[in-house]
């Protein structure tokens, strides 16, 4: 599905495509404007984990902040923005089934090796309502209980 959306955006002449999970809250309405202004090929927002899961969401290596962004090695793909022109470099189908434990790390590494650096926009804030979970890590009864924004009480969101 993600690849199909990327191809459709390229085919229809869009400049950017944003893929965002249904369990992410955009904290600032200007976040996407900030991401478009940053003008980087691949970028993710600054995540806040409402579940306090202590899960690693982003690996920036030893990158230092430069203005409102910093280079990253990988991030959870709960929200990612592409400049559509990057698909000519990395592929109109940027996502592949990696069948590995470190899917995001592998995906971002593949993009880097193809010449596309990803960045974290420190001016775009989004809240994850549940920790990122690979479907194979869920128990069968959990597959149909995945929370969406409507399932989370507004009082639990910080």
N, C-alpha and C. Protein backbone atom coordinates (compact mmCIF):
# COMPACT_ATOMS: atom_id res chain seq x y z
N UNK A 1 0.82 -1.18 0.00
CA UNK A 1 0.00 0.00 0.00
C UNK A 1 0.87 1.26 0.00
N UNK A 2 1.96 1.27 0.80
CA UNK A 2 2.82 2.46 0.85
C UNK A 2 3.44 2.73 -0.52
N UNK A 3 3.92 1.67 -1.17
CA UNK A 3 4.51 1.85 -2.49
C UNK A 3 3.50 2.37 -3.50
N UNK A 4 2.27 1.88 -3.43
CA UNK A 4 1.24 2.32 -4.37
C UNK A 4 0.97 3.81 -4.18
N UNK A 5 0.91 4.28 -2.94
CA UNK A 5 0.69 5.71 -2.69
C UNK A 5 1.85 6.55 -3.22
N UNK A 6 3.07 6.06 -3.06
CA UNK A 6 4.24 6.78 -3.58
C UNK A 6 4.20 6.86 -5.10
N UNK A 7 3.85 5.75 -5.75
CA UNK A 7 3.77 5.75 -7.21
C UNK A 7 2.66 6.66 -7.70
N UNK A 8 1.52 6.65 -7.01
CA UNK A 8 0.39 7.51 -7.41
C UNK A 8 0.77 8.98 -7.28
N UNK A 9 1.48 9.34 -6.20
CA UNK A 9 1.91 10.73 -6.02
C UNK A 9 2.84 11.15 -7.15
N UNK A 10 3.77 10.27 -7.54
CA UNK A 10 4.70 10.59 -8.63
C UNK A 10 3.95 10.70 -9.96
N UNK A 11 3.07 9.76 -10.18
CA UNK A 11 2.31 9.74 -11.44
C UNK A 11 1.42 10.97 -11.60
N UNK A 12 0.86 11.45 -10.49
CA UNK A 12 -0.06 12.58 -10.55
C UNK A 12 0.62 13.93 -10.38
N UNK A 13 1.96 13.95 -10.32
CA UNK A 13 2.70 15.21 -10.30
C UNK A 13 2.77 15.91 -8.95
N UNK A 14 2.57 15.19 -7.86
CA UNK A 14 2.70 15.80 -6.54
C UNK A 14 4.17 16.09 -6.26
N UNK A 15 4.43 17.08 -5.41
CA UNK A 15 5.81 17.40 -5.04
C UNK A 15 6.25 16.64 -3.80
N UNK A 16 5.30 16.32 -2.91
CA UNK A 16 5.60 15.64 -1.66
C UNK A 16 4.55 14.56 -1.40
N UNK A 17 4.95 13.57 -0.63
CA UNK A 17 3.99 12.58 -0.14
C UNK A 17 4.31 12.33 1.33
N UNK A 18 3.26 12.27 2.15
CA UNK A 18 3.39 12.00 3.57
C UNK A 18 2.66 10.70 3.87
N UNK A 19 3.35 9.79 4.52
CA UNK A 19 2.74 8.56 4.99
C UNK A 19 2.69 8.66 6.50
N UNK A 20 1.49 8.56 7.07
CA UNK A 20 1.32 8.72 8.51
C UNK A 20 0.39 7.64 9.02
N UNK A 21 0.78 6.99 10.10
CA UNK A 21 -0.04 5.94 10.71
C UNK A 21 -1.26 6.54 11.39
N UNK A 22 -2.27 5.69 11.61
CA UNK A 22 -3.51 6.18 12.22
C UNK A 22 -3.41 6.31 13.73
N UNK A 23 -2.26 5.99 14.31
CA UNK A 23 -2.10 6.13 15.76
C UNK A 23 -1.10 7.24 16.09
N UNK A 24 -1.04 8.24 15.22
CA UNK A 24 -0.15 9.39 15.40
C UNK A 24 -1.01 10.65 15.46
N UNK A 25 -0.73 11.49 16.44
CA UNK A 25 -1.41 12.77 16.54
C UNK A 25 -0.44 13.87 16.14
N UNK A 26 -0.87 14.74 15.24
CA UNK A 26 -0.06 15.88 14.82
C UNK A 26 -0.28 16.98 15.86
N UNK A 27 0.75 17.28 16.65
CA UNK A 27 0.63 18.23 17.75
C UNK A 27 0.52 19.67 17.28
N UNK A 28 1.13 19.99 16.16
CA UNK A 28 1.15 21.36 15.68
C UNK A 28 0.65 21.36 14.23
N UNK A 29 -0.41 22.11 13.93
CA UNK A 29 -0.94 22.12 12.56
C UNK A 29 0.08 22.60 11.53
N UNK A 30 1.11 23.29 11.97
CA UNK A 30 2.14 23.79 11.05
C UNK A 30 3.25 22.77 10.79
N UNK A 31 3.16 21.59 11.39
CA UNK A 31 4.23 20.59 11.26
C UNK A 31 4.53 20.25 9.81
N UNK A 32 3.49 20.00 9.01
CA UNK A 32 3.73 19.62 7.62
C UNK A 32 4.27 20.79 6.80
N UNK A 33 3.84 22.01 7.13
CA UNK A 33 4.38 23.19 6.46
C UNK A 33 5.87 23.30 6.77
N UNK A 34 6.24 23.10 8.03
CA UNK A 34 7.64 23.14 8.42
C UNK A 34 8.44 22.07 7.68
N UNK A 35 7.86 20.89 7.54
CA UNK A 35 8.57 19.81 6.85
C UNK A 35 8.76 20.14 5.36
N UNK A 36 7.74 20.74 4.74
CA UNK A 36 7.88 21.11 3.33
C UNK A 36 8.93 22.22 3.15
N UNK A 37 8.95 23.17 4.07
CA UNK A 37 9.91 24.28 3.99
C UNK A 37 11.35 23.80 4.18
N UNK A 38 11.53 22.74 4.98
CA UNK A 38 12.88 22.25 5.24
C UNK A 38 13.53 21.74 3.96
N UNK A 39 12.73 21.30 3.01
CA UNK A 39 13.21 20.95 1.68
C UNK A 39 14.27 19.85 1.67
N UNK A 40 14.06 18.80 2.46
CA UNK A 40 14.94 17.63 2.45
C UNK A 40 14.20 16.49 1.76
N UNK A 41 14.96 15.57 1.17
CA UNK A 41 14.34 14.50 0.39
C UNK A 41 13.49 13.55 1.23
N UNK A 42 13.99 13.17 2.39
CA UNK A 42 13.26 12.26 3.29
C UNK A 42 13.37 12.84 4.69
N UNK A 43 12.23 12.95 5.37
CA UNK A 43 12.28 13.45 6.74
C UNK A 43 11.15 12.90 7.60
N UNK A 44 11.43 12.89 8.88
CA UNK A 44 10.46 12.47 9.89
C UNK A 44 10.33 13.58 10.91
N UNK A 45 9.23 13.58 11.68
CA UNK A 45 9.06 14.62 12.71
C UNK A 45 9.81 14.26 13.98
N UNK A 46 9.69 15.12 14.95
CA UNK A 46 10.19 14.87 16.30
C UNK A 46 9.06 14.15 17.04
N UNK A 47 9.30 12.90 17.42
CA UNK A 47 8.26 12.09 18.04
C UNK A 47 8.23 12.25 19.56
N UNK A 48 7.02 12.19 20.10
CA UNK A 48 6.82 12.06 21.54
C UNK A 48 6.07 10.75 21.74
N UNK A 49 6.57 9.88 22.60
CA UNK A 49 5.95 8.59 22.85
C UNK A 49 5.02 8.72 24.05
N UNK A 50 3.70 8.78 23.80
CA UNK A 50 2.72 8.95 24.87
C UNK A 50 2.66 7.73 25.78
N UNK A 51 3.19 6.60 25.33
CA UNK A 51 3.12 5.38 26.15
C UNK A 51 4.33 5.23 27.06
N UNK A 52 5.33 6.07 26.86
CA UNK A 52 6.57 6.00 27.65
C UNK A 52 7.16 4.59 27.62
N UNK A 53 7.22 4.01 26.45
CA UNK A 53 7.66 2.62 26.30
C UNK A 53 9.18 2.46 26.38
N UNK A 54 9.92 3.56 26.37
CA UNK A 54 11.39 3.52 26.35
C UNK A 54 11.92 2.80 25.11
N UNK A 55 11.13 2.75 24.08
CA UNK A 55 11.56 2.14 22.81
C UNK A 55 12.33 3.18 22.01
N UNK A 56 13.38 2.76 21.36
CA UNK A 56 14.16 3.68 20.53
C UNK A 56 13.35 4.00 19.27
N UNK A 57 13.07 5.27 19.07
CA UNK A 57 12.25 5.70 17.95
C UNK A 57 13.08 6.26 16.80
N UNK A 58 14.25 6.80 17.12
CA UNK A 58 15.10 7.44 16.11
C UNK A 58 16.56 7.19 16.47
N UNK A 59 17.38 6.94 15.45
CA UNK A 59 18.82 6.85 15.66
C UNK A 59 19.48 7.92 14.81
N UNK A 60 20.02 8.92 15.47
CA UNK A 60 20.69 9.99 14.72
C UNK A 60 22.20 9.83 14.73
N UNK A 61 22.68 8.68 15.24
CA UNK A 61 24.12 8.47 15.27
C UNK A 61 24.78 9.57 16.07
N UNK A 62 25.74 10.23 15.47
CA UNK A 62 26.44 11.32 16.14
C UNK A 62 26.11 12.66 15.48
N UNK A 63 24.94 12.72 14.84
CA UNK A 63 24.55 13.94 14.14
C UNK A 63 24.24 15.06 15.12
N UNK A 64 24.59 16.27 14.74
CA UNK A 64 24.32 17.45 15.55
C UNK A 64 23.20 18.25 14.90
N UNK A 65 22.49 18.93 15.73
CA UNK A 65 21.41 19.79 15.25
C UNK A 65 21.97 20.89 14.36
N UNK A 66 21.30 21.12 13.22
CA UNK A 66 21.64 22.22 12.33
C UNK A 66 20.34 22.97 12.08
N UNK A 67 20.14 24.06 12.79
CA UNK A 67 18.87 24.78 12.66
C UNK A 67 17.74 23.93 13.23
N UNK A 68 16.76 23.63 12.38
CA UNK A 68 15.60 22.85 12.85
C UNK A 68 15.69 21.39 12.47
N UNK A 69 16.85 20.92 12.01
CA UNK A 69 16.93 19.52 11.61
C UNK A 69 18.26 18.90 12.01
N UNK A 70 18.28 17.57 11.93
CA UNK A 70 19.54 16.84 12.06
C UNK A 70 19.44 15.59 11.21
N UNK A 71 20.58 15.14 10.71
CA UNK A 71 20.63 13.90 9.93
C UNK A 71 20.29 12.74 10.84
N UNK A 72 19.64 11.74 10.29
CA UNK A 72 19.34 10.55 11.06
C UNK A 72 19.78 9.31 10.29
N UNK A 73 20.07 8.25 11.04
CA UNK A 73 20.36 6.97 10.40
C UNK A 73 19.08 6.22 10.09
N UNK A 74 18.12 6.27 11.02
CA UNK A 74 16.83 5.64 10.80
C UNK A 74 15.83 6.17 11.83
N UNK A 75 14.55 5.92 11.57
CA UNK A 75 13.48 6.28 12.50
C UNK A 75 12.31 5.33 12.27
N UNK A 76 11.43 5.23 13.26
CA UNK A 76 10.23 4.45 13.03
C UNK A 76 9.45 5.14 11.91
N UNK A 77 8.81 4.35 11.10
CA UNK A 77 8.11 4.93 9.95
C UNK A 77 6.64 5.13 10.31
N UNK A 78 6.41 5.84 11.42
CA UNK A 78 5.05 6.20 11.81
C UNK A 78 4.59 7.43 11.06
N UNK A 79 5.54 8.25 10.66
CA UNK A 79 5.26 9.41 9.81
C UNK A 79 6.54 9.69 9.03
N UNK A 80 6.43 9.74 7.73
CA UNK A 80 7.59 10.06 6.89
C UNK A 80 7.12 10.91 5.71
N UNK A 81 7.90 11.93 5.37
CA UNK A 81 7.60 12.77 4.22
C UNK A 81 8.73 12.60 3.19
N UNK A 82 8.32 12.38 1.94
CA UNK A 82 9.26 12.28 0.83
C UNK A 82 9.04 13.44 -0.11
N UNK A 83 10.13 13.98 -0.66
CA UNK A 83 10.00 14.80 -1.86
C UNK A 83 9.86 13.79 -2.99
N UNK A 84 8.84 13.90 -3.78
CA UNK A 84 8.53 12.89 -4.80
C UNK A 84 9.69 12.71 -5.77
N UNK A 85 10.46 13.76 -6.02
CA UNK A 85 11.59 13.65 -6.95
C UNK A 85 12.61 12.60 -6.50
N UNK A 86 12.66 12.29 -5.21
CA UNK A 86 13.63 11.31 -4.69
C UNK A 86 13.33 9.91 -5.22
N UNK A 87 12.10 9.65 -5.65
CA UNK A 87 11.76 8.33 -6.15
C UNK A 87 12.54 7.99 -7.42
N UNK A 88 13.01 9.00 -8.14
CA UNK A 88 13.85 8.74 -9.32
C UNK A 88 15.21 8.19 -8.92
N UNK A 89 15.64 8.50 -7.70
CA UNK A 89 16.93 8.03 -7.20
C UNK A 89 16.81 6.69 -6.47
N UNK A 90 15.84 6.59 -5.56
CA UNK A 90 15.77 5.39 -4.73
C UNK A 90 14.80 4.34 -5.25
N UNK A 91 13.83 4.71 -6.07
CA UNK A 91 12.85 3.79 -6.64
C UNK A 91 11.46 4.35 -6.43
N UNK A 92 10.58 4.11 -7.37
CA UNK A 92 9.19 4.53 -7.19
C UNK A 92 8.49 3.62 -6.18
N UNK A 93 9.15 2.53 -5.81
CA UNK A 93 8.68 1.61 -4.76
C UNK A 93 9.74 1.61 -3.66
N UNK A 94 9.74 2.63 -2.79
CA UNK A 94 10.82 2.76 -1.81
C UNK A 94 10.79 1.71 -0.70
N UNK A 95 9.68 1.02 -0.52
CA UNK A 95 9.57 0.06 0.57
C UNK A 95 9.67 -1.37 0.05
N UNK A 96 10.45 -2.17 0.76
CA UNK A 96 10.60 -3.60 0.44
C UNK A 96 10.37 -4.39 1.71
N UNK A 97 9.81 -5.56 1.57
CA UNK A 97 9.68 -6.43 2.74
C UNK A 97 11.06 -6.94 3.09
N UNK A 98 11.56 -6.51 4.24
CA UNK A 98 12.91 -6.90 4.63
C UNK A 98 12.93 -8.20 5.41
N UNK A 99 11.79 -8.56 6.01
CA UNK A 99 11.70 -9.78 6.81
C UNK A 99 12.83 -9.87 7.82
N UNK A 100 13.10 -8.75 8.45
CA UNK A 100 14.17 -8.75 9.45
C UNK A 100 13.72 -7.99 10.68
N UNK A 101 14.43 -8.18 11.75
CA UNK A 101 14.07 -7.57 13.03
C UNK A 101 14.19 -6.04 12.98
N UNK A 102 15.18 -5.52 12.32
CA UNK A 102 15.44 -4.08 12.27
C UNK A 102 14.95 -3.52 10.93
N UNK A 103 13.65 -3.61 10.70
CA UNK A 103 13.10 -3.21 9.40
C UNK A 103 13.40 -1.76 9.06
N UNK A 104 13.14 -0.83 10.00
CA UNK A 104 13.37 0.58 9.71
C UNK A 104 14.85 0.86 9.46
N UNK A 105 15.71 0.29 10.30
CA UNK A 105 17.14 0.51 10.14
C UNK A 105 17.60 0.02 8.77
N UNK A 106 17.11 -1.13 8.36
CA UNK A 106 17.47 -1.70 7.05
C UNK A 106 16.94 -0.85 5.91
N UNK A 107 15.70 -0.38 6.04
CA UNK A 107 15.09 0.44 4.99
C UNK A 107 15.83 1.76 4.81
N UNK A 108 16.11 2.45 5.92
CA UNK A 108 16.83 3.72 5.84
C UNK A 108 18.26 3.52 5.33
N UNK A 109 18.90 2.42 5.72
CA UNK A 109 20.25 2.14 5.23
C UNK A 109 20.22 1.94 3.72
N UNK A 110 19.23 1.22 3.21
CA UNK A 110 19.09 1.02 1.77
C UNK A 110 18.94 2.37 1.07
N UNK A 111 18.10 3.26 1.62
CA UNK A 111 17.92 4.58 1.03
C UNK A 111 19.22 5.37 1.02
N UNK A 112 20.00 5.30 2.13
CA UNK A 112 21.29 6.01 2.17
C UNK A 112 22.24 5.48 1.11
N UNK A 113 22.30 4.16 0.98
CA UNK A 113 23.21 3.57 -0.02
C UNK A 113 22.80 3.92 -1.44
N UNK A 114 21.53 4.23 -1.64
CA UNK A 114 21.06 4.67 -2.96
C UNK A 114 21.22 6.18 -3.15
N UNK A 115 21.72 6.87 -2.11
CA UNK A 115 22.03 8.29 -2.24
C UNK A 115 21.04 9.25 -1.59
N UNK A 116 20.14 8.75 -0.74
CA UNK A 116 19.14 9.62 -0.12
C UNK A 116 19.34 9.67 1.39
N UNK A 117 19.69 10.81 1.91
CA UNK A 117 19.87 11.01 3.35
C UNK A 117 18.52 11.41 3.97
N UNK A 118 18.22 10.86 5.12
CA UNK A 118 16.99 11.22 5.84
C UNK A 118 17.33 12.18 6.98
N UNK A 119 16.34 12.99 7.34
CA UNK A 119 16.51 14.00 8.38
C UNK A 119 15.34 13.97 9.34
N UNK A 120 15.59 14.42 10.55
CA UNK A 120 14.54 14.62 11.53
C UNK A 120 14.27 16.11 11.61
N UNK A 121 13.02 16.50 11.44
CA UNK A 121 12.63 17.89 11.56
C UNK A 121 12.27 18.14 13.02
N UNK A 122 13.07 18.94 13.70
CA UNK A 122 12.89 19.19 15.13
C UNK A 122 11.84 20.25 15.41
N UNK A 123 11.22 20.78 14.35
CA UNK A 123 10.18 21.78 14.48
C UNK A 123 8.80 21.19 14.19
N UNK A 124 8.75 19.90 13.89
CA UNK A 124 7.49 19.21 13.59
C UNK A 124 7.27 18.17 14.70
N UNK A 125 6.24 18.37 15.51
CA UNK A 125 6.02 17.50 16.67
C UNK A 125 4.82 16.60 16.45
N UNK A 126 5.00 15.32 16.73
CA UNK A 126 3.91 14.35 16.63
C UNK A 126 3.99 13.36 17.78
N UNK A 127 2.83 12.92 18.23
CA UNK A 127 2.74 12.00 19.36
C UNK A 127 2.34 10.61 18.88
N UNK A 128 3.10 9.61 19.32
CA UNK A 128 2.76 8.21 19.04
C UNK A 128 1.85 7.72 20.15
N UNK A 129 0.69 7.20 19.81
CA UNK A 129 -0.27 6.75 20.81
C UNK A 129 0.00 5.33 21.28
N UNK A 130 0.81 4.59 20.57
CA UNK A 130 1.21 3.26 21.02
C UNK A 130 2.61 3.03 20.49
N UNK A 131 3.38 2.20 21.16
CA UNK A 131 4.74 1.95 20.66
C UNK A 131 4.68 1.22 19.33
N UNK A 132 5.60 1.52 18.43
CA UNK A 132 5.64 0.81 17.16
C UNK A 132 5.80 -0.69 17.41
N UNK A 133 5.01 -1.48 16.72
CA UNK A 133 5.03 -2.92 16.93
C UNK A 133 4.96 -3.63 15.59
N UNK A 134 5.84 -4.57 15.39
CA UNK A 134 5.75 -5.40 14.20
C UNK A 134 4.56 -6.34 14.36
N UNK A 135 3.80 -6.54 13.29
CA UNK A 135 2.61 -7.39 13.38
C UNK A 135 2.92 -8.78 13.88
N UNK A 136 4.10 -9.32 13.53
CA UNK A 136 4.41 -10.67 13.96
C UNK A 136 4.69 -10.75 15.46
N UNK A 137 4.87 -9.59 16.12
CA UNK A 137 5.10 -9.59 17.55
C UNK A 137 3.80 -9.57 18.36
N UNK A 138 2.69 -9.33 17.69
CA UNK A 138 1.40 -9.27 18.37
C UNK A 138 0.83 -10.67 18.57
N UNK A 139 0.12 -10.83 19.66
CA UNK A 139 -0.61 -12.07 19.90
C UNK A 139 -1.87 -12.03 19.03
N UNK A 140 -2.40 -13.17 18.63
CA UNK A 140 -3.57 -13.18 17.73
C UNK A 140 -4.73 -12.32 18.21
N UNK A 141 -5.02 -12.29 19.52
CA UNK A 141 -6.14 -11.49 20.00
C UNK A 141 -5.84 -9.99 19.96
N UNK A 142 -4.57 -9.60 19.81
CA UNK A 142 -4.21 -8.19 19.76
C UNK A 142 -4.36 -7.61 18.35
N UNK A 143 -4.37 -8.45 17.35
CA UNK A 143 -4.44 -7.96 15.97
C UNK A 143 -5.68 -7.12 15.72
N UNK A 144 -6.77 -7.44 16.42
CA UNK A 144 -8.01 -6.72 16.18
C UNK A 144 -8.31 -5.71 17.28
N UNK A 145 -7.33 -5.43 18.14
CA UNK A 145 -7.50 -4.45 19.20
C UNK A 145 -6.47 -3.33 19.09
N UNK A 146 -5.95 -3.09 17.91
CA UNK A 146 -4.98 -2.02 17.72
C UNK A 146 -5.69 -0.69 17.93
N UNK A 147 -5.13 0.14 18.80
CA UNK A 147 -5.78 1.39 19.14
C UNK A 147 -5.59 2.43 18.05
N UNK A 148 -6.63 3.18 17.82
CA UNK A 148 -6.60 4.33 16.92
C UNK A 148 -6.87 5.56 17.77
N UNK A 149 -6.68 6.77 17.23
CA UNK A 149 -6.88 7.97 18.06
C UNK A 149 -8.23 8.01 18.78
N UNK A 150 -9.28 7.49 18.17
CA UNK A 150 -10.59 7.49 18.81
C UNK A 150 -10.68 6.55 20.00
N UNK A 151 -9.77 5.60 20.10
CA UNK A 151 -9.78 4.64 21.21
C UNK A 151 -9.01 5.13 22.43
N UNK A 152 -8.31 6.23 22.29
CA UNK A 152 -7.45 6.73 23.36
C UNK A 152 -8.11 7.93 24.02
N UNK A 153 -8.25 7.87 25.34
CA UNK A 153 -8.85 8.99 26.07
C UNK A 153 -7.95 10.22 25.96
N UNK A 154 -8.56 11.35 25.68
CA UNK A 154 -7.81 12.59 25.49
C UNK A 154 -7.00 12.94 26.75
N UNK A 155 -7.47 12.52 27.93
CA UNK A 155 -6.78 12.81 29.16
C UNK A 155 -5.47 12.07 29.33
N UNK A 156 -5.27 10.98 28.57
CA UNK A 156 -4.03 10.21 28.67
C UNK A 156 -2.94 10.75 27.77
N UNK A 157 -3.27 11.68 26.91
CA UNK A 157 -2.30 12.25 25.98
C UNK A 157 -1.66 13.47 26.62
N UNK A 158 -0.35 13.47 26.70
CA UNK A 158 0.37 14.58 27.32
C UNK A 158 0.92 15.51 26.27
